[in-house]
PDB file of all heavy atoms in Angstrom:
ATOM      1  N   ALA A   1     -41.997 -31.316  -5.499  1.00  0.00           N
ATOM      2  CA  ALA A   1     -42.245 -32.762  -5.093  1.00  0.00           C
ATOM      3  C   ALA A   1     -41.234 -33.623  -5.798  1.00  0.00           C
ATOM      4  O   ALA A   1     -40.762 -34.644  -5.189  1.00  0.00           O
ATOM      5  CB  ALA A   1     -43.684 -33.058  -5.489  1.00  0.00           C
ATOM      6  N   ALA A   2     -40.911 -33.359  -7.088  1.00  0.00           N
ATOM      7  CA  ALA A   2     -40.037 -34.252  -7.815  1.00  0.00           C
ATOM      8  C   ALA A   2     -38.564 -34.184  -7.201  1.00  0.00           C
ATOM      9  O   ALA A   2     -37.890 -35.157  -7.112  1.00  0.00           O
ATOM     10  CB  ALA A   2     -39.970 -33.803  -9.275  1.00  0.00           C
ATOM     11  N   VAL A   3     -38.186 -32.975  -6.770  1.00  0.00           N
ATOM     12  CA  VAL A   3     -36.870 -32.802  -6.064  1.00  0.00           C
ATOM     13  C   VAL A   3     -36.845 -33.607  -4.788  1.00  0.00           C
ATOM     14  O   VAL A   3     -35.917 -34.295  -4.582  1.00  0.00           O
ATOM     15  CB  VAL A   3     -36.532 -31.299  -5.886  1.00  0.00           C
ATOM     16  CG1 VAL A   3     -35.385 -31.106  -4.853  1.00  0.00           C
ATOM     17  CG2 VAL A   3     -36.219 -30.626  -7.184  1.00  0.00           C
ATOM     18  N   ASN A   4     -37.908 -33.484  -4.025  1.00  0.00           N
ATOM     19  CA  ASN A   4     -37.953 -34.177  -2.790  1.00  0.00           C
ATOM     20  C   ASN A   4     -37.888 -35.692  -2.996  1.00  0.00           C
ATOM     21  O   ASN A   4     -37.145 -36.448  -2.334  1.00  0.00           O
ATOM     22  CB  ASN A   4     -39.242 -33.808  -2.008  1.00  0.00           C
ATOM     23  CG  ASN A   4     -39.360 -34.440  -0.681  1.00  0.00           C
ATOM     24  OD1 ASN A   4     -38.489 -34.443   0.191  1.00  0.00           O
ATOM     25  ND2 ASN A   4     -40.488 -35.195  -0.516  1.00  0.00           N
ATOM     26  N   ARG A   5     -38.705 -36.194  -3.959  1.00  0.00           N
ATOM     27  CA  ARG A   5     -38.690 -37.609  -4.258  1.00  0.00           C
ATOM     28  C   ARG A   5     -37.352 -38.086  -4.703  1.00  0.00           C
ATOM     29  O   ARG A   5     -36.821 -39.178  -4.257  1.00  0.00           O
ATOM     30  CB  ARG A   5     -39.791 -37.870  -5.383  1.00  0.00           C
ATOM     31  CG  ARG A   5     -39.969 -39.277  -5.664  1.00  0.00           C
ATOM     32  CD  ARG A   5     -41.252 -39.514  -6.604  1.00  0.00           C
ATOM     33  NE  ARG A   5     -41.480 -38.486  -7.692  1.00  0.00           N
ATOM     34  CZ  ARG A   5     -42.280 -37.456  -7.696  1.00  0.00           C
ATOM     35  NH1 ARG A   5     -43.050 -37.355  -6.658  1.00  0.00           N
ATOM     36  NH2 ARG A   5     -42.417 -36.664  -8.737  1.00  0.00           N
ATOM     37  N   ARG A   6     -36.622 -37.292  -5.558  1.00  0.00           N
ATOM     38  CA  ARG A   6     -35.325 -37.698  -6.029  1.00  0.00           C
ATOM     39  C   ARG A   6     -34.344 -37.829  -4.919  1.00  0.00           C
ATOM     40  O   ARG A   6     -33.551 -38.789  -4.764  1.00  0.00           O
ATOM     41  CB  ARG A   6     -34.810 -36.695  -7.046  1.00  0.00           C
ATOM     42  CG  ARG A   6     -33.464 -37.103  -7.616  1.00  0.00           C
ATOM     43  CD  ARG A   6     -33.122 -36.281  -8.835  1.00  0.00           C
ATOM     44  NE  ARG A   6     -31.924 -36.680  -9.405  1.00  0.00           N
ATOM     45  CZ  ARG A   6     -31.705 -37.804 -10.236  1.00  0.00           C
ATOM     46  NH1 ARG A   6     -32.830 -38.504 -10.608  1.00  0.00           N
ATOM     47  NH2 ARG A   6     -30.615 -38.137 -10.732  1.00  0.00           N
ATOM     48  N   LEU A   7     -34.385 -36.883  -3.966  1.00  0.00           N
ATOM     49  CA  LEU A   7     -33.488 -36.907  -2.782  1.00  0.00           C
ATOM     50  C   LEU A   7     -33.768 -38.128  -1.967  1.00  0.00           C
ATOM     51  O   LEU A   7     -32.833 -38.907  -1.567  1.00  0.00           O
ATOM     52  CB  LEU A   7     -33.631 -35.655  -2.006  1.00  0.00           C
ATOM     53  CG  LEU A   7     -33.079 -34.346  -2.626  1.00  0.00           C
ATOM     54  CD1 LEU A   7     -33.448 -33.077  -1.830  1.00  0.00           C
ATOM     55  CD2 LEU A   7     -31.568 -34.487  -2.818  1.00  0.00           C
ATOM     56  N   VAL A   8     -34.989 -38.332  -1.672  1.00  0.00           N
ATOM     57  CA  VAL A   8     -35.393 -39.488  -0.844  1.00  0.00           C
ATOM     58  C   VAL A   8     -35.029 -40.849  -1.511  1.00  0.00           C
ATOM     59  O   VAL A   8     -34.484 -41.797  -0.853  1.00  0.00           O
ATOM     60  CB  VAL A   8     -36.908 -39.480  -0.428  1.00  0.00           C
ATOM     61  CG1 VAL A   8     -37.392 -40.711   0.257  1.00  0.00           C
ATOM     62  CG2 VAL A   8     -37.215 -38.287   0.413  1.00  0.00           C
ATOM     63  N   GLU A   9     -35.294 -40.944  -2.758  1.00  0.00           N
ATOM     64  CA  GLU A   9     -34.905 -42.138  -3.514  1.00  0.00           C
ATOM     65  C   GLU A   9     -33.423 -42.402  -3.465  1.00  0.00           C
ATOM     66  O   GLU A   9     -32.975 -43.598  -3.663  1.00  0.00           O
ATOM     67  CB  GLU A   9     -35.354 -42.024  -4.997  1.00  0.00           C
ATOM     68  CG  GLU A   9     -36.876 -42.199  -5.200  1.00  0.00           C
ATOM     69  CD  GLU A   9     -37.374 -41.886  -6.585  1.00  0.00           C
ATOM     70  OE1 GLU A   9     -36.521 -41.386  -7.426  1.00  0.00           O
ATOM     71  OE2 GLU A   9     -38.566 -42.119  -6.823  1.00  0.00           O
ATOM     72  N   HIS A  10     -32.539 -41.399  -3.331  1.00  0.00           N
ATOM     73  CA  HIS A  10     -31.208 -41.555  -3.235  1.00  0.00           C
ATOM     74  C   HIS A  10     -30.651 -41.618  -1.813  1.00  0.00           C
ATOM     75  O   HIS A  10     -29.474 -41.532  -1.496  1.00  0.00           O
ATOM     76  CB  HIS A  10     -30.442 -40.447  -3.923  1.00  0.00           C
ATOM     77  CG  HIS A  10     -30.466 -40.582  -5.401  1.00  0.00           C
ATOM     78  ND1 HIS A  10     -31.522 -40.257  -6.185  1.00  0.00           N
ATOM     79  CD2 HIS A  10     -29.563 -41.143  -6.275  1.00  0.00           C
ATOM     80  CE1 HIS A  10     -31.315 -40.526  -7.447  1.00  0.00           C
ATOM     81  NE2 HIS A  10     -30.097 -41.063  -7.554  1.00  0.00           N
ATOM     82  N   GLY A  11     -31.613 -41.906  -0.878  1.00  0.00           N
ATOM     83  CA  GLY A  11     -31.270 -42.124   0.524  1.00  0.00           C
ATOM     84  C   GLY A  11     -30.961 -40.902   1.352  1.00  0.00           C
ATOM     85  O   GLY A  11     -30.329 -40.940   2.410  1.00  0.00           O
ATOM     86  N   ILE A  12     -31.402 -39.727   0.826  1.00  0.00           N
ATOM     87  CA  ILE A  12     -31.134 -38.460   1.527  1.00  0.00           C
ATOM     88  C   ILE A  12     -32.382 -38.063   2.259  1.00  0.00           C
ATOM     89  O   ILE A  12     -33.414 -37.904   1.630  1.00  0.00           O
ATOM     90  CB  ILE A  12     -30.635 -37.364   0.517  1.00  0.00           C
ATOM     91  CG1 ILE A  12     -29.348 -37.886  -0.154  1.00  0.00           C
ATOM     92  CG2 ILE A  12     -30.466 -36.043   1.264  1.00  0.00           C
ATOM     93  CD1 ILE A  12     -28.972 -37.071  -1.335  1.00  0.00           C
ATOM     94  N   ASP A  13     -32.310 -37.893   3.604  1.00  0.00           N
ATOM     95  CA  ASP A  13     -33.420 -37.464   4.404  1.00  0.00           C
ATOM     96  C   ASP A  13     -33.722 -36.051   4.114  1.00  0.00           C
ATOM     97  O   ASP A  13     -32.834 -35.164   4.157  1.00  0.00           O
ATOM     98  CB  ASP A  13     -33.157 -37.661   5.879  1.00  0.00           C
ATOM     99  CG  ASP A  13     -33.033 -39.176   6.190  1.00  0.00           C
ATOM    100  OD1 ASP A  13     -33.569 -39.965   5.493  1.00  0.00           O
ATOM    101  OD2 ASP A  13     -32.329 -39.461   7.221  1.00  0.00           O
ATOM    102  N   VAL A  14     -34.945 -35.771   3.908  1.00  0.00           N
ATOM    103  CA  VAL A  14     -35.382 -34.333   3.765  1.00  0.00           C
ATOM    104  C   VAL A  14     -36.193 -33.979   5.040  1.00  0.00           C
ATOM    105  O   VAL A  14     -37.228 -34.592   5.336  1.00  0.00           O
ATOM    106  CB  VAL A  14     -36.287 -34.112   2.545  1.00  0.00           C
ATOM    107  CG1 VAL A  14     -36.836 -32.726   2.467  1.00  0.00           C
ATOM    108  CG2 VAL A  14     -35.554 -34.559   1.294  1.00  0.00           C
ATOM    109  N   HIS A  15     -35.747 -32.955   5.708  1.00  0.00           N
ATOM    110  CA  HIS A  15     -36.313 -32.588   7.062  1.00  0.00           C
ATOM    111  C   HIS A  15     -37.368 -31.531   6.970  1.00  0.00           C
ATOM    112  O   HIS A  15     -38.334 -31.408   7.759  1.00  0.00           O
ATOM    113  CB  HIS A  15     -35.273 -32.190   8.090  1.00  0.00           C
ATOM    114  CG  HIS A  15     -34.353 -33.404   8.428  1.00  0.00           C
ATOM    115  ND1 HIS A  15     -34.645 -34.343   9.268  1.00  0.00           N
ATOM    116  CD2 HIS A  15     -33.190 -33.719   7.851  1.00  0.00           C
ATOM    117  CE1 HIS A  15     -33.730 -35.242   9.374  1.00  0.00           C
ATOM    118  NE2 HIS A  15     -32.795 -34.908   8.490  1.00  0.00           N
ATOM    119  N   ALA A  16     -37.254 -30.669   5.921  1.00  0.00           N
ATOM    120  CA  ALA A  16     -38.222 -29.644   5.674  1.00  0.00           C
ATOM    121  C   ALA A  16     -38.015 -29.015   4.301  1.00  0.00           C
ATOM    122  O   ALA A  16     -36.950 -29.049   3.742  1.00  0.00           O
ATOM    123  CB  ALA A  16     -37.937 -28.432   6.715  1.00  0.00           C
ATOM    124  N   ILE A  17     -39.209 -28.589   3.759  1.00  0.00           N
ATOM    125  CA  ILE A  17     -39.111 -27.839   2.533  1.00  0.00           C
ATOM    126  C   ILE A  17     -40.054 -26.641   2.723  1.00  0.00           C
ATOM    127  O   ILE A  17     -41.117 -26.708   3.184  1.00  0.00           O
ATOM    128  CB  ILE A  17     -39.730 -28.708   1.373  1.00  0.00           C
ATOM    129  CG1 ILE A  17     -38.852 -29.900   1.121  1.00  0.00           C
ATOM    130  CG2 ILE A  17     -39.925 -27.859   0.094  1.00  0.00           C
ATOM    131  CD1 ILE A  17     -39.408 -30.892   0.101  1.00  0.00           C
ATOM    132  N   GLY A  18     -39.492 -25.493   2.239  1.00  0.00           N
ATOM    133  CA  GLY A  18     -40.343 -24.246   2.396  1.00  0.00           C
ATOM    134  C   GLY A  18     -39.782 -23.123   1.544  1.00  0.00           C
ATOM    135  O   GLY A  18     -38.594 -23.244   1.120  1.00  0.00           O
ATOM    136  N   ALA A  19     -40.524 -22.154   1.366  1.00  0.00           N
ATOM    137  CA  ALA A  19     -40.135 -20.985   0.632  1.00  0.00           C
ATOM    138  C   ALA A  19     -39.454 -20.009   1.624  1.00  0.00           C
ATOM    139  O   ALA A  19     -39.852 -19.924   2.780  1.00  0.00           O
ATOM    140  CB  ALA A  19     -41.364 -20.253  -0.008  1.00  0.00           C
ATOM    141  N   VAL A  20     -38.433 -19.380   1.156  1.00  0.00           N
ATOM    142  CA  VAL A  20     -37.666 -18.375   1.916  1.00  0.00           C
ATOM    143  C   VAL A  20     -37.654 -17.121   1.202  1.00  0.00           C
ATOM    144  O   VAL A  20     -37.286 -17.030   0.032  1.00  0.00           O
ATOM    145  CB  VAL A  20     -36.210 -18.936   2.108  1.00  0.00           C
ATOM    146  CG1 VAL A  20     -35.398 -17.874   2.827  1.00  0.00           C
ATOM    147  CG2 VAL A  20     -36.197 -20.293   2.845  1.00  0.00           C
ATOM    148  N   GLU A  21     -38.050 -16.034   1.911  1.00  0.00           N
ATOM    149  CA  GLU A  21     -38.041 -14.764   1.342  1.00  0.00           C
ATOM    150  C   GLU A  21     -36.675 -14.189   1.564  1.00  0.00           C
ATOM    151  O   GLU A  21     -36.169 -14.194   2.734  1.00  0.00           O
ATOM    152  CB  GLU A  21     -39.092 -13.853   2.013  1.00  0.00           C
ATOM    153  CG  GLU A  21     -40.534 -14.295   1.740  1.00  0.00           C
ATOM    154  CD  GLU A  21     -40.970 -14.129   0.348  1.00  0.00           C
ATOM    155  OE1 GLU A  21     -40.488 -13.170  -0.347  1.00  0.00           O
ATOM    156  OE2 GLU A  21     -41.700 -15.021  -0.158  1.00  0.00           O
ATOM    157  N   GLY A  22     -35.937 -13.732   0.520  1.00  0.00           N
ATOM    158  CA  GLY A  22     -34.664 -13.143   0.714  1.00  0.00           C
ATOM    159  C   GLY A  22     -34.728 -11.706   0.932  1.00  0.00           C
ATOM    160  O   GLY A  22     -35.635 -11.011   0.445  1.00  0.00           O
ATOM    161  N   ASP A  23     -33.707 -11.177   1.700  1.00  0.00           N
ATOM    162  CA  ASP A  23     -33.653  -9.746   1.845  1.00  0.00           C
ATOM    163  C   ASP A  23     -32.927  -9.175   0.637  1.00  0.00           C
ATOM    164  O   ASP A  23     -32.353  -9.827  -0.201  1.00  0.00           O
ATOM    165  CB  ASP A  23     -32.897  -9.355   3.142  1.00  0.00           C
ATOM    166  CG  ASP A  23     -31.496  -9.898   3.256  1.00  0.00           C
ATOM    167  OD1 ASP A  23     -30.817  -9.973   2.218  1.00  0.00           O
ATOM    168  OD2 ASP A  23     -31.119 -10.370   4.329  1.00  0.00           O
ATOM    169  N   LEU A  24     -32.980  -7.888   0.476  1.00  0.00           N
ATOM    170  CA  LEU A  24     -32.326  -7.281  -0.748  1.00  0.00           C
ATOM    171  C   LEU A  24     -30.907  -7.574  -0.886  1.00  0.00           C
ATOM    172  O   LEU A  24     -30.444  -7.779  -1.995  1.00  0.00           O
ATOM    173  CB  LEU A  24     -32.672  -5.764  -0.762  1.00  0.00           C
ATOM    174  CG  LEU A  24     -34.078  -5.329  -0.990  1.00  0.00           C
ATOM    175  CD1 LEU A  24     -34.191  -3.893  -0.867  1.00  0.00           C
ATOM    176  CD2 LEU A  24     -34.556  -5.851  -2.320  1.00  0.00           C
ATOM    177  N   ASP A  25     -30.147  -7.573   0.293  1.00  0.00           N
ATOM    178  CA  ASP A  25     -28.753  -7.884   0.146  1.00  0.00           C
ATOM    179  C   ASP A  25     -28.445  -9.308  -0.424  1.00  0.00           C
ATOM    180  O   ASP A  25     -27.611  -9.542  -1.258  1.00  0.00           O
ATOM    181  CB  ASP A  25     -28.061  -7.779   1.530  1.00  0.00           C
ATOM    182  CG  ASP A  25     -27.951  -6.340   1.976  1.00  0.00           C
ATOM    183  OD1 ASP A  25     -27.918  -5.437   1.132  1.00  0.00           O
ATOM    184  OD2 ASP A  25     -27.813  -6.149   3.211  1.00  0.00           O
ATOM    185  N   SER A  26     -29.238 -10.309   0.085  1.00  0.00           N
ATOM    186  CA  SER A  26     -29.058 -11.690  -0.413  1.00  0.00           C
ATOM    187  C   SER A  26     -29.406 -11.800  -1.857  1.00  0.00           C
ATOM    188  O   SER A  26     -28.839 -12.437  -2.598  1.00  0.00           O
ATOM    189  CB  SER A  26     -29.952 -12.620   0.444  1.00  0.00           C
ATOM    190  OG  SER A  26     -29.527 -12.612   1.825  1.00  0.00           O
ATOM    191  N   ILE A  27     -30.528 -11.148  -2.282  1.00  0.00           N
ATOM    192  CA  ILE A  27     -30.987 -11.195  -3.649  1.00  0.00           C
ATOM    193  C   ILE A  27     -29.922 -10.629  -4.547  1.00  0.00           C
ATOM    194  O   ILE A  27     -29.513 -11.166  -5.532  1.00  0.00           O
ATOM    195  CB  ILE A  27     -32.333 -10.496  -3.798  1.00  0.00           C
ATOM    196  CG1 ILE A  27     -33.489 -11.253  -3.132  1.00  0.00           C
ATOM    197  CG2 ILE A  27     -32.689 -10.339  -5.301  1.00  0.00           C
ATOM    198  CD1 ILE A  27     -34.757 -10.455  -2.993  1.00  0.00           C
ATOM    199  N   PHE A  28     -29.367  -9.460  -4.127  1.00  0.00           N
ATOM    200  CA  PHE A  28     -28.281  -8.789  -4.909  1.00  0.00           C
ATOM    201  C   PHE A  28     -27.069  -9.745  -5.026  1.00  0.00           C
ATOM    202  O   PHE A  28     -26.572  -9.887  -6.114  1.00  0.00           O
ATOM    203  CB  PHE A  28     -27.898  -7.455  -4.216  1.00  0.00           C
ATOM    204  CG  PHE A  28     -26.878  -6.778  -5.004  1.00  0.00           C
ATOM    205  CD1 PHE A  28     -26.989  -6.152  -6.152  1.00  0.00           C
ATOM    206  CD2 PHE A  28     -25.517  -6.809  -4.419  1.00  0.00           C
ATOM    207  CE1 PHE A  28     -25.976  -5.527  -6.793  1.00  0.00           C
ATOM    208  CE2 PHE A  28     -24.432  -6.221  -5.050  1.00  0.00           C
ATOM    209  CZ  PHE A  28     -24.710  -5.510  -6.263  1.00  0.00           C
ATOM    210  N   MET A  29     -26.670 -10.340  -3.963  1.00  0.00           N
ATOM    211  CA  MET A  29     -25.482 -11.171  -3.978  1.00  0.00           C
ATOM    212  C   MET A  29     -25.744 -12.408  -4.857  1.00  0.00           C
ATOM    213  O   MET A  29     -24.861 -12.857  -5.546  1.00  0.00           O
ATOM    214  CB  MET A  29     -25.080 -11.575  -2.547  1.00  0.00           C
ATOM    215  CG  MET A  29     -24.579 -10.423  -1.702  1.00  0.00           C
ATOM    216  SD  MET A  29     -23.257  -9.518  -2.559  1.00  0.00           S
ATOM    217  CE  MET A  29     -21.881 -10.657  -2.523  1.00  0.00           C
ATOM    218  N   ASP A  30     -26.975 -12.916  -4.764  1.00  0.00           N
ATOM    219  CA  ASP A  30     -27.324 -14.101  -5.661  1.00  0.00           C
ATOM    220  C   ASP A  30     -27.221 -13.695  -7.107  1.00  0.00           C
ATOM    221  O   ASP A  30     -26.717 -14.460  -7.959  1.00  0.00           O
ATOM    222  CB  ASP A  30     -28.692 -14.595  -5.318  1.00  0.00           C
ATOM    223  CG  ASP A  30     -28.827 -15.347  -3.986  1.00  0.00           C
ATOM    224  OD1 ASP A  30     -27.717 -15.682  -3.407  1.00  0.00           O
ATOM    225  OD2 ASP A  30     -29.930 -15.482  -3.501  1.00  0.00           O
ATOM    226  N   LEU A  31     -27.720 -12.509  -7.460  1.00  0.00           N
ATOM    227  CA  LEU A  31     -27.644 -12.072  -8.845  1.00  0.00           C
ATOM    228  C   LEU A  31     -26.217 -11.889  -9.279  1.00  0.00           C
ATOM    229  O   LEU A  31     -25.769 -12.326 -10.379  1.00  0.00           O
ATOM    230  CB  LEU A  31     -28.413 -10.721  -8.987  1.00  0.00           C
ATOM    231  CG  LEU A  31     -29.916 -10.878  -8.913  1.00  0.00           C
ATOM    232  CD1 LEU A  31     -30.536  -9.541  -8.941  1.00  0.00           C
ATOM    233  CD2 LEU A  31     -30.463 -11.722 -10.131  1.00  0.00           C
ATOM    234  N   ILE A  32     -25.391 -11.253  -8.450  1.00  0.00           N
ATOM    235  CA  ILE A  32     -24.047 -11.015  -8.807  1.00  0.00           C
ATOM    236  C   ILE A  32     -23.227 -12.334  -8.929  1.00  0.00           C
ATOM    237  O   ILE A  32     -22.471 -12.517  -9.828  1.00  0.00           O
ATOM    238  CB  ILE A  32     -23.315 -10.042  -7.827  1.00  0.00           C
ATOM    239  CG1 ILE A  32     -23.954  -8.736  -7.745  1.00  0.00           C
ATOM    240  CG2 ILE A  32     -21.829  -9.939  -7.992  1.00  0.00           C
ATOM    241  CD1 ILE A  32     -23.982  -8.009  -9.044  1.00  0.00           C
TER     242      ILE A  32
END
């Protein structure tokens, strides 16, 4: 909520917020 509020306060439109489940390849690449 704080991240959303900060973006909106700075004039940045937020169209959606949600959790994303990563596949193993994405998780591995993120770690690396």
